[in-house]
């Protein structure tokens, strides 16, 4: 992998760890802050809300900023916010720092994808973007399980301190290896980007993804305590299961890319139907370790089909605004993160069983399935322009 792509993938690894690791250490965060598990789930939602707001706002506000200093600035802000999380004196401060840490997320991935594609030949753009996004995949396979495994030996604060260091390393690596892209990447106008995303062909995929993908997050946010208290797993088994989740995300992401090229709308219906079915089966089988691990793998695989499909539909609808469309893609899926975590926590706060968030996930997946019908209609009514496979950028 070329060094500039590797430098940006370090940032992706740090972002992925910051986003997902909290879900593996949620019981420890709750205990140390003196809050309930449902309240601790707000730390997941706070980060996601930061992404939702930061992705479009920062992307539009920085359309004229050269990409290299923008990437460095976003990584430095990310590092500072995660250090603040590590040093948080109380739960309110922790929530605020998690919100701020989420702000650079979508803008970083949107800018990194554009820069990565500009550094290679036209027919290698997909591999360049995939190389950057591999940092996010590695975070779910390696970073998150290691965090869950180490939580018995170290404070959760050290995990966010390590993420802050990763942000600094990524900023330094970008400064040292990423070339100045001025003259290569033509700046866009904020008004042009905003104008291109106002159609229902953009808004419907965003709403559908924000609702339906929440099904996975409702279950995954509370997966660690479920595996611990319902399935009866120890720390090592939980870490392995979280790694299996990362493998499932990777498999689904690859399969979803092929489906997005060939039959995106049909694939979307199949994905949401499968997510709902898998989650329903998980609700009734989490007491069995083998079935629990199988369910986690299938949940991750079926859920990650949605990302490339939504990206395809978004780029079809907003091909004149690729940067903003890409950042809004991340915003929509983090809105799913926020509403899934919140609704799952709401079920727990009502006194329902620890597995109730999985049932909430079933409902959100079915809602995504229902919303897919008007989306499909809008897609069928339009004359869809052809896009290159390289334009597909997957999310977190």
Protein backbone atom coordinates (compact mmCIF):
# COMPACT_ATOMS: atom_id res chain seq x y z
CA UNK A 1 0.00 0.00 0.00
CA UNK A 2 1.32 3.44 -0.84
CA UNK A 3 2.36 5.40 2.23
CA UNK A 4 -0.20 8.23 1.86
CA UNK A 5 -3.01 5.67 1.78
CA UNK A 6 -1.55 3.87 4.79
CA UNK A 7 -1.29 7.19 6.66
CA UNK A 8 -4.97 7.90 6.12
CA UNK A 9 -5.88 4.32 7.05
CA UNK A 10 -4.25 4.91 10.46
CA UNK A 11 -6.78 7.67 10.97
CA UNK A 12 -9.56 5.32 9.88
CA UNK A 13 -8.35 2.73 12.39
CA UNK A 14 -8.43 5.29 15.19
CA UNK A 15 -11.91 6.49 14.22
CA UNK A 16 -13.24 2.94 14.02
CA UNK A 17 -11.82 2.07 17.42
CA UNK A 18 -13.25 5.22 19.01
CA UNK A 19 -16.68 4.54 17.51
CA UNK A 20 -17.03 0.83 18.28
CA UNK A 21 -14.80 0.15 21.31
CA UNK A 22 -17.20 1.92 23.67
CA UNK A 23 -19.78 -0.79 22.98
CA UNK A 24 -17.39 -3.51 24.15
CA UNK A 25 -16.54 -1.73 27.41
CA UNK A 26 -19.94 -0.22 28.22
CA UNK A 27 -20.44 -2.08 31.55
CA UNK A 28 -17.10 -0.79 32.86
CA UNK A 29 -17.85 2.79 31.80
CA UNK A 30 -21.27 2.58 33.49
CA UNK A 31 -19.78 1.23 36.72
CA UNK A 32 -17.00 3.82 36.90
CA UNK A 33 -19.37 6.72 36.25
CA UNK A 34 -22.10 5.50 38.58
CA UNK A 35 -24.77 5.35 35.87
CA UNK A 36 -27.04 2.61 34.56
CA UNK A 37 -26.24 0.58 31.46
CA UNK A 38 -29.01 2.41 29.59
CA UNK A 39 -27.54 5.78 30.56
CA UNK A 40 -24.05 4.65 29.56
CA UNK A 41 -25.48 3.85 26.12
CA UNK A 42 -25.85 7.61 25.64
CA UNK A 43 -22.06 7.71 25.19
CA UNK A 44 -22.62 5.78 21.96
CA UNK A 45 -25.42 8.11 20.88
CA UNK A 46 -23.41 11.25 21.72
CA UNK A 47 -20.60 10.26 19.34
CA UNK A 48 -23.09 9.35 16.64
CA UNK A 49 -24.92 12.68 16.95
CA UNK A 50 -21.56 14.40 16.56
CA UNK A 51 -21.01 12.55 13.30
CA UNK A 52 -24.52 13.36 12.09
CA UNK A 53 -24.03 17.09 12.64
CA UNK A 54 -20.34 17.32 11.82
CA UNK A 55 -20.35 15.39 8.54
CA UNK A 56 -22.48 17.81 6.47
CA UNK A 57 -21.58 21.00 8.33
CA UNK A 58 -17.80 20.53 8.21
CA UNK A 59 -17.91 19.22 4.64
CA UNK A 60 -19.81 22.28 3.42
CA UNK A 61 -17.78 24.71 5.54
CA UNK A 62 -14.45 23.38 4.26
CA UNK A 63 -15.13 23.02 0.53
CA UNK A 64 -12.44 25.64 -0.22
CA UNK A 65 -9.85 24.33 2.26
CA UNK A 66 -6.95 22.33 0.75
CA UNK A 67 -7.40 18.64 1.52
CA UNK A 68 -4.06 17.91 3.21
CA UNK A 69 -4.28 20.58 5.95
CA UNK A 70 -7.95 19.69 6.36
CA UNK A 71 -7.14 16.03 7.02
CA UNK A 72 -4.42 17.00 9.51
CA UNK A 73 -6.70 19.45 11.30
CA UNK A 74 -9.52 16.91 11.56
CA UNK A 75 -7.17 14.30 13.03
CA UNK A 76 -5.78 16.76 15.59
CA UNK A 77 -9.31 17.71 16.67
CA UNK A 78 -10.21 14.01 16.91
CA UNK A 79 -7.14 13.31 19.06
CA UNK A 80 -7.88 16.21 21.41
CA UNK A 81 -11.50 15.13 21.91
CA UNK A 82 -10.53 11.53 22.72
CA UNK A 83 -7.93 12.73 25.20
CA UNK A 84 -10.69 14.76 26.82
CA UNK A 85 -12.79 11.58 27.04
CA UNK A 86 -9.91 9.78 28.73
CA UNK A 87 -9.64 12.58 31.31
CA UNK A 88 -13.40 13.16 31.74
CA UNK A 89 -14.10 14.11 35.40
CA UNK A 90 -17.79 13.18 35.22
CA UNK A 91 -20.35 11.58 32.92
CA UNK A 92 -21.65 14.86 31.52
CA UNK A 93 -18.15 15.86 30.43
CA UNK A 94 -17.67 12.39 28.92
CA UNK A 95 -20.82 12.79 26.82
CA UNK A 96 -19.69 16.21 25.62
CA UNK A 97 -16.24 14.96 24.63
CA UNK A 98 -17.75 11.98 22.81
CA UNK A 99 -19.97 14.38 20.84
CA UNK A 100 -16.97 16.52 19.86
CA UNK A 101 -14.95 13.42 18.90
CA UNK A 102 -17.68 12.49 16.42
CA UNK A 103 -17.68 15.84 14.61
CA UNK A 104 -14.60 15.18 12.37
CA UNK A 105 -15.62 11.59 11.51
CA UNK A 106 -17.65 12.00 8.31
CA UNK A 107 -15.65 14.95 6.98
CA UNK A 108 -12.41 12.97 7.38
CA UNK A 109 -13.69 9.96 5.46
CA UNK A 110 -15.19 12.16 2.73
CA UNK A 111 -11.94 14.11 2.25
CA UNK A 112 -9.74 11.01 2.53
CA UNK A 113 -11.72 9.19 -0.17
CA UNK A 114 -11.31 12.11 -2.58
CA UNK A 115 -7.59 12.44 -1.82
CA UNK A 116 -6.97 8.70 -2.09
CA UNK A 117 -8.69 8.50 -5.46
CA UNK A 118 -6.65 11.45 -6.74
CA UNK A 119 -3.32 9.79 -5.93
CA UNK A 120 -3.69 6.78 -8.21
CA UNK A 121 -4.60 5.95 -11.79
CA UNK A 122 -8.28 6.05 -12.71
CA UNK A 123 -8.62 2.26 -12.79
CA UNK A 124 -7.09 1.92 -9.30
CA UNK A 125 -9.36 4.33 -7.44
CA UNK A 126 -11.49 1.62 -5.87
CA UNK A 127 -8.44 -0.11 -4.43
CA UNK A 128 -7.11 3.19 -3.09
CA UNK A 129 -10.37 3.97 -1.28
CA UNK A 130 -10.59 0.37 -0.06
CA UNK A 131 -7.07 0.68 1.33
CA UNK A 132 -8.03 3.72 3.39
CA UNK A 133 -11.24 2.11 4.62
CA UNK A 134 -9.34 -1.04 5.60
CA UNK A 135 -8.34 0.81 8.76
CA UNK A 136 -11.98 0.82 9.80
CA UNK A 137 -12.30 -2.90 9.11
CA UNK A 138 -9.15 -3.68 11.09
CA UNK A 139 -10.59 -1.69 14.00
CA UNK A 140 -13.63 -3.96 14.21
CA UNK A 141 -11.58 -7.16 13.84
CA UNK A 142 -8.61 -6.22 16.04
CA UNK A 143 -8.95 -2.90 17.89
CA UNK A 144 -12.39 -3.43 19.43
CA UNK A 145 -11.83 -7.05 20.61
CA UNK A 146 -8.45 -6.14 22.13
CA UNK A 147 -10.10 -3.25 23.99
CA UNK A 148 -12.72 -5.64 25.39
CA UNK A 149 -10.03 -8.14 26.36
CA UNK A 150 -7.81 -5.58 28.10
CA UNK A 151 -10.61 -3.92 30.04
CA UNK A 152 -10.14 -6.42 32.86
CA UNK A 153 -6.52 -5.33 33.29
CA UNK A 154 -6.61 -1.59 32.57
CA UNK A 155 -9.00 1.32 32.99
CA UNK A 156 -11.26 2.17 30.06
CA UNK A 157 -9.62 5.61 30.10
CA UNK A 158 -6.39 4.17 28.70
CA UNK A 159 -8.26 2.95 25.63
CA UNK A 160 -9.34 6.46 24.71
CA UNK A 161 -5.87 7.77 25.52
CA UNK A 162 -4.49 5.23 23.03
CA UNK A 163 -7.02 6.41 20.43
CA UNK A 164 -5.83 9.98 20.99
CA UNK A 165 -2.25 8.84 20.32
CA UNK A 166 -3.43 7.13 17.12
CA UNK A 167 -4.95 10.44 16.03
CA UNK A 168 -1.63 12.22 16.55
CA UNK A 169 0.27 9.48 14.72
CA UNK A 170 -2.18 9.71 11.80
CA UNK A 171 -1.84 13.51 11.65
CA UNK A 172 1.97 13.22 11.59
CA UNK A 173 1.88 10.49 8.95
CA UNK A 174 -0.46 12.51 6.74
CA UNK A 175 1.80 15.56 7.09
CA UNK A 176 4.86 13.50 6.13
CA UNK A 177 3.44 11.44 3.25
CA UNK A 178 0.31 12.95 1.68
CA UNK A 179 1.20 15.36 -1.15
CA UNK A 180 -0.37 18.75 -1.68
CA UNK A 181 -3.41 18.09 -3.88
CA UNK A 182 -4.08 21.70 -4.84
CA UNK A 183 -4.33 21.80 -8.62
CA UNK A 184 -5.26 18.10 -8.69
CA UNK A 185 -8.52 18.26 -6.73
CA UNK A 186 -10.74 21.09 -7.94
CA UNK A 187 -12.55 22.83 -5.03
CA UNK A 188 -16.33 22.77 -5.18
CA UNK A 189 -18.79 25.44 -4.14
CA UNK A 190 -20.88 24.81 -1.04
CA UNK A 191 -24.04 26.02 -2.79
CA UNK A 192 -23.53 23.55 -5.65
CA UNK A 193 -23.07 20.63 -3.25
CA UNK A 194 -26.16 21.55 -1.23
CA UNK A 195 -28.27 22.03 -4.36
CA UNK A 196 -27.39 18.58 -5.64
CA UNK A 197 -28.60 16.69 -2.55
CA UNK A 198 -32.11 18.12 -2.18
CA UNK A 199 -33.88 15.49 -4.28
CA UNK A 200 -35.88 12.61 -2.85
CA UNK A 201 -33.39 10.24 -4.46
CA UNK A 202 -30.89 11.49 -1.88
CA UNK A 203 -33.19 12.06 1.07
CA UNK A 204 -34.93 8.66 0.88
CA UNK A 205 -31.71 6.58 1.07
CA UNK A 206 -30.54 8.73 3.98
CA UNK A 207 -33.78 8.24 5.94
CA UNK A 208 -33.97 4.54 5.12
CA UNK A 209 -30.39 3.94 6.22
CA UNK A 210 -30.78 6.04 9.37
CA UNK A 211 -33.79 3.98 10.47
CA UNK A 212 -33.13 0.47 9.17
CA UNK A 213 -29.43 0.22 10.00
CA UNK A 214 -30.32 1.15 13.58
CA UNK A 215 -31.48 -2.45 13.96
CA UNK A 216 -27.90 -3.67 14.15
CA UNK A 217 -26.81 -0.93 16.55
CA UNK A 218 -29.71 -1.55 18.93
CA UNK A 219 -28.37 -5.08 19.38
CA UNK A 220 -24.62 -4.45 19.08
CA UNK A 221 -24.51 -1.59 21.59
CA UNK A 222 -25.58 -3.93 24.39
CA UNK A 223 -23.95 -7.09 23.00
CA UNK A 224 -21.16 -7.30 25.59
CA UNK A 225 -23.44 -7.37 28.67
CA UNK A 226 -25.77 -9.80 26.86
CA UNK A 227 -22.88 -12.15 26.07
CA UNK A 228 -21.64 -11.83 29.63
CA UNK A 229 -24.88 -12.21 31.55
CA UNK A 230 -27.19 -14.16 29.22
CA UNK A 231 -24.78 -16.29 27.19
CA UNK A 232 -22.37 -16.73 30.09
CA UNK A 233 -19.17 -15.92 28.19
CA UNK A 234 -15.88 -14.89 29.80
CA UNK A 235 -13.73 -11.98 28.61
CA UNK A 236 -11.77 -14.07 26.09
CA UNK A 237 -14.91 -15.54 24.52
CA UNK A 238 -16.48 -12.07 24.30
CA UNK A 239 -13.37 -10.70 22.58
CA UNK A 240 -13.47 -13.57 20.07
CA UNK A 241 -17.15 -12.93 19.40
CA UNK A 242 -16.48 -9.24 18.79
CA UNK A 243 -13.74 -10.23 16.34
CA UNK A 244 -16.26 -12.51 14.60
CA UNK A 245 -18.51 -9.47 14.29
CA UNK A 246 -15.68 -7.62 12.53
CA UNK A 247 -15.17 -10.53 10.14
CA UNK A 248 -18.89 -10.48 9.36
CA UNK A 249 -18.76 -6.76 8.60
CA UNK A 250 -15.89 -7.37 6.19
CA UNK A 251 -17.65 -10.23 4.39
CA UNK A 252 -20.90 -8.30 4.09
CA UNK A 253 -19.09 -5.22 2.85
CA UNK A 254 -17.48 -7.15 -0.01
CA UNK A 255 -20.71 -8.94 -0.92
CA UNK A 256 -22.67 -5.70 -0.64
CA UNK A 257 -20.37 -4.05 -3.18
CA UNK A 258 -21.18 -6.72 -5.77
CA UNK A 259 -24.90 -6.47 -5.03
CA UNK A 260 -24.77 -2.67 -5.29
CA UNK A 261 -23.32 -2.97 -8.79
CA UNK A 262 -25.90 -5.47 -10.05
CA UNK A 263 -29.22 -5.10 -8.18
CA UNK A 264 -29.13 -2.44 -5.46
CA UNK A 265 -32.86 -2.12 -4.80
CA UNK A 266 -33.54 -5.85 -4.70
CA UNK A 267 -30.48 -6.28 -2.51
CA UNK A 268 -31.77 -3.65 -0.10
CA UNK A 269 -35.07 -5.50 0.38
CA UNK A 270 -33.19 -8.77 0.93
CA UNK A 271 -30.76 -7.15 3.38
CA UNK A 272 -33.39 -5.65 5.69
CA UNK A 273 -35.51 -8.82 5.61
CA UNK A 274 -32.44 -10.87 6.54
CA UNK A 275 -31.41 -8.50 9.33
CA UNK A 276 -34.87 -8.72 10.90
CA UNK A 277 -34.91 -12.51 10.63
CA UNK A 278 -31.43 -12.94 12.10
CA UNK A 279 -32.13 -10.59 15.00
CA UNK A 280 -35.39 -12.35 15.79
CA UNK A 281 -33.56 -15.69 15.87
CA UNK A 282 -30.88 -14.15 18.13
CA UNK A 283 -33.51 -12.94 20.58
CA UNK A 284 -34.56 -16.53 21.24
CA UNK A 285 -31.12 -18.16 21.12
CA UNK A 286 -28.60 -15.96 22.98
CA UNK A 287 -28.38 -18.44 25.88
CA UNK A 288 -26.59 -20.90 23.57
CA UNK A 289 -22.94 -19.85 22.93
CA UNK A 290 -22.65 -21.52 19.52
CA UNK A 291 -25.92 -20.01 18.30
CA UNK A 292 -24.98 -16.63 19.79
CA UNK A 293 -21.68 -16.51 17.87
CA UNK A 294 -23.41 -17.65 14.67
CA UNK A 295 -26.07 -14.99 15.15
CA UNK A 296 -23.46 -12.25 15.65
CA UNK A 297 -21.67 -13.29 12.44
CA UNK A 298 -24.92 -13.30 10.44
CA UNK A 299 -26.09 -10.02 12.00
CA UNK A 300 -22.86 -8.28 10.99
CA UNK A 301 -22.79 -9.78 7.51
CA UNK A 302 -26.40 -8.99 6.63
CA UNK A 303 -26.24 -5.50 8.15
CA UNK A 304 -23.08 -4.48 6.29
CA UNK A 305 -24.74 -5.31 2.97
CA UNK A 306 -26.68 -2.09 3.40
CA UNK A 307 -23.67 0.27 3.33
CA UNK A 308 -22.45 -0.17 -0.26
CA UNK A 309 -26.02 -0.36 -1.54
CA UNK A 310 -26.95 2.94 0.10
CA UNK A 311 -23.74 4.52 -1.16
CA UNK A 312 -24.63 3.46 -4.71
CA UNK A 313 -28.14 4.88 -4.44
CA UNK A 314 -26.83 8.10 -2.91
CA UNK A 315 -24.23 8.63 -5.61
CA UNK A 316 -26.85 7.92 -8.28
CA UNK A 317 -29.02 10.64 -6.76
CA UNK A 318 -26.24 13.17 -6.00
CA UNK A 319 -23.52 12.45 -8.55
CA UNK A 320 -22.83 16.20 -8.80
CA UNK A 321 -22.00 16.38 -5.07
CA UNK A 322 -19.80 13.36 -4.29
CA UNK A 323 -18.06 14.83 -1.22
CA UNK A 324 -21.24 15.87 0.54
CA UNK A 325 -23.03 12.67 -0.45
CA UNK A 326 -20.17 10.62 0.99
CA UNK A 327 -20.19 12.53 4.27
CA UNK A 328 -23.98 12.31 4.52
CA UNK A 329 -23.67 8.56 4.04
CA UNK A 330 -21.61 8.44 7.24
CA UNK A 331 -24.03 10.82 8.93
CA UNK A 332 -27.02 8.61 8.14
CA UNK A 333 -25.40 5.48 9.49
CA UNK A 334 -24.32 7.23 12.65
CA UNK A 335 -27.84 8.52 13.09
CA UNK A 336 -28.77 4.84 12.95
CA UNK A 337 -26.11 4.29 15.60
CA UNK A 338 -27.63 6.99 17.80
CA UNK A 339 -31.25 5.95 17.49
CA UNK A 340 -30.45 2.23 17.82
CA UNK A 341 -28.44 2.76 20.99
CA UNK A 342 -31.04 5.14 22.45
CA UNK A 343 -34.06 2.97 21.69
CA UNK A 344 -32.27 -0.13 22.97
CA UNK A 345 -31.41 1.72 26.17
CA UNK A 346 -34.99 2.93 26.46
CA UNK A 347 -36.17 -0.69 26.42
CA UNK A 348 -33.76 -1.47 29.26
CA UNK A 349 -34.82 1.60 31.25
CA UNK A 350 -38.43 0.37 31.07
CA UNK A 351 -37.37 -2.71 32.97
CA UNK A 352 -37.47 -5.13 30.05
CA UNK A 353 -35.02 -8.03 29.76
CA UNK A 354 -31.38 -7.56 28.82
CA UNK A 355 -32.13 -9.04 25.38
CA UNK A 356 -34.94 -6.54 24.69
CA UNK A 357 -32.66 -4.28 22.59
CA UNK A 358 -32.34 -7.14 20.09
CA UNK A 359 -36.13 -7.10 19.68
CA UNK A 360 -35.96 -3.33 19.20
CA UNK A 361 -33.49 -4.06 16.41
CA UNK A 362 -36.04 -6.30 14.71
CA UNK A 363 -38.52 -3.44 14.66
CA UNK A 364 -36.01 -0.98 13.20
CA UNK A 365 -34.97 -3.43 10.48
CA UNK A 366 -38.61 -3.96 9.52
CA UNK A 367 -39.11 -0.18 9.44
CA UNK A 368 -36.16 0.02 7.04
CA UNK A 369 -37.82 -2.63 4.90
CA UNK A 370 -41.03 -0.57 4.74
CA UNK A 371 -39.11 2.60 3.84
CA UNK A 372 -37.39 0.72 1.02
CA UNK A 373 -40.64 0.72 -0.98
CA UNK A 374 -40.80 4.49 -1.67
CA UNK A 375 -37.03 4.46 -2.19
CA UNK A 376 -37.41 1.75 -4.82
CA UNK A 377 -40.17 3.75 -6.51
CA UNK A 378 -38.00 6.87 -6.69
CA UNK A 379 -35.11 4.83 -8.08
CA UNK A 380 -37.32 3.25 -10.75
CA UNK A 381 -38.78 6.60 -11.83
CA UNK A 382 -35.37 8.15 -12.40
CA UNK A 383 -33.02 7.75 -15.32
CA UNK A 384 -30.13 6.43 -13.23
CA UNK A 385 -26.71 7.51 -14.53
CA UNK A 386 -23.99 4.90 -14.67
CA UNK A 387 -21.29 5.18 -12.06
CA UNK A 388 -17.91 3.61 -11.71
CA UNK A 389 -17.48 0.89 -9.04
CA UNK A 390 -14.63 3.03 -7.72
CA UNK A 391 -17.16 5.60 -6.54
CA UNK A 392 -18.45 3.23 -3.87
CA UNK A 393 -17.21 4.26 -0.43
CA UNK A 394 -18.33 2.09 2.49
CA UNK A 395 -19.28 3.35 5.93
CA UNK A 396 -19.10 2.80 9.65
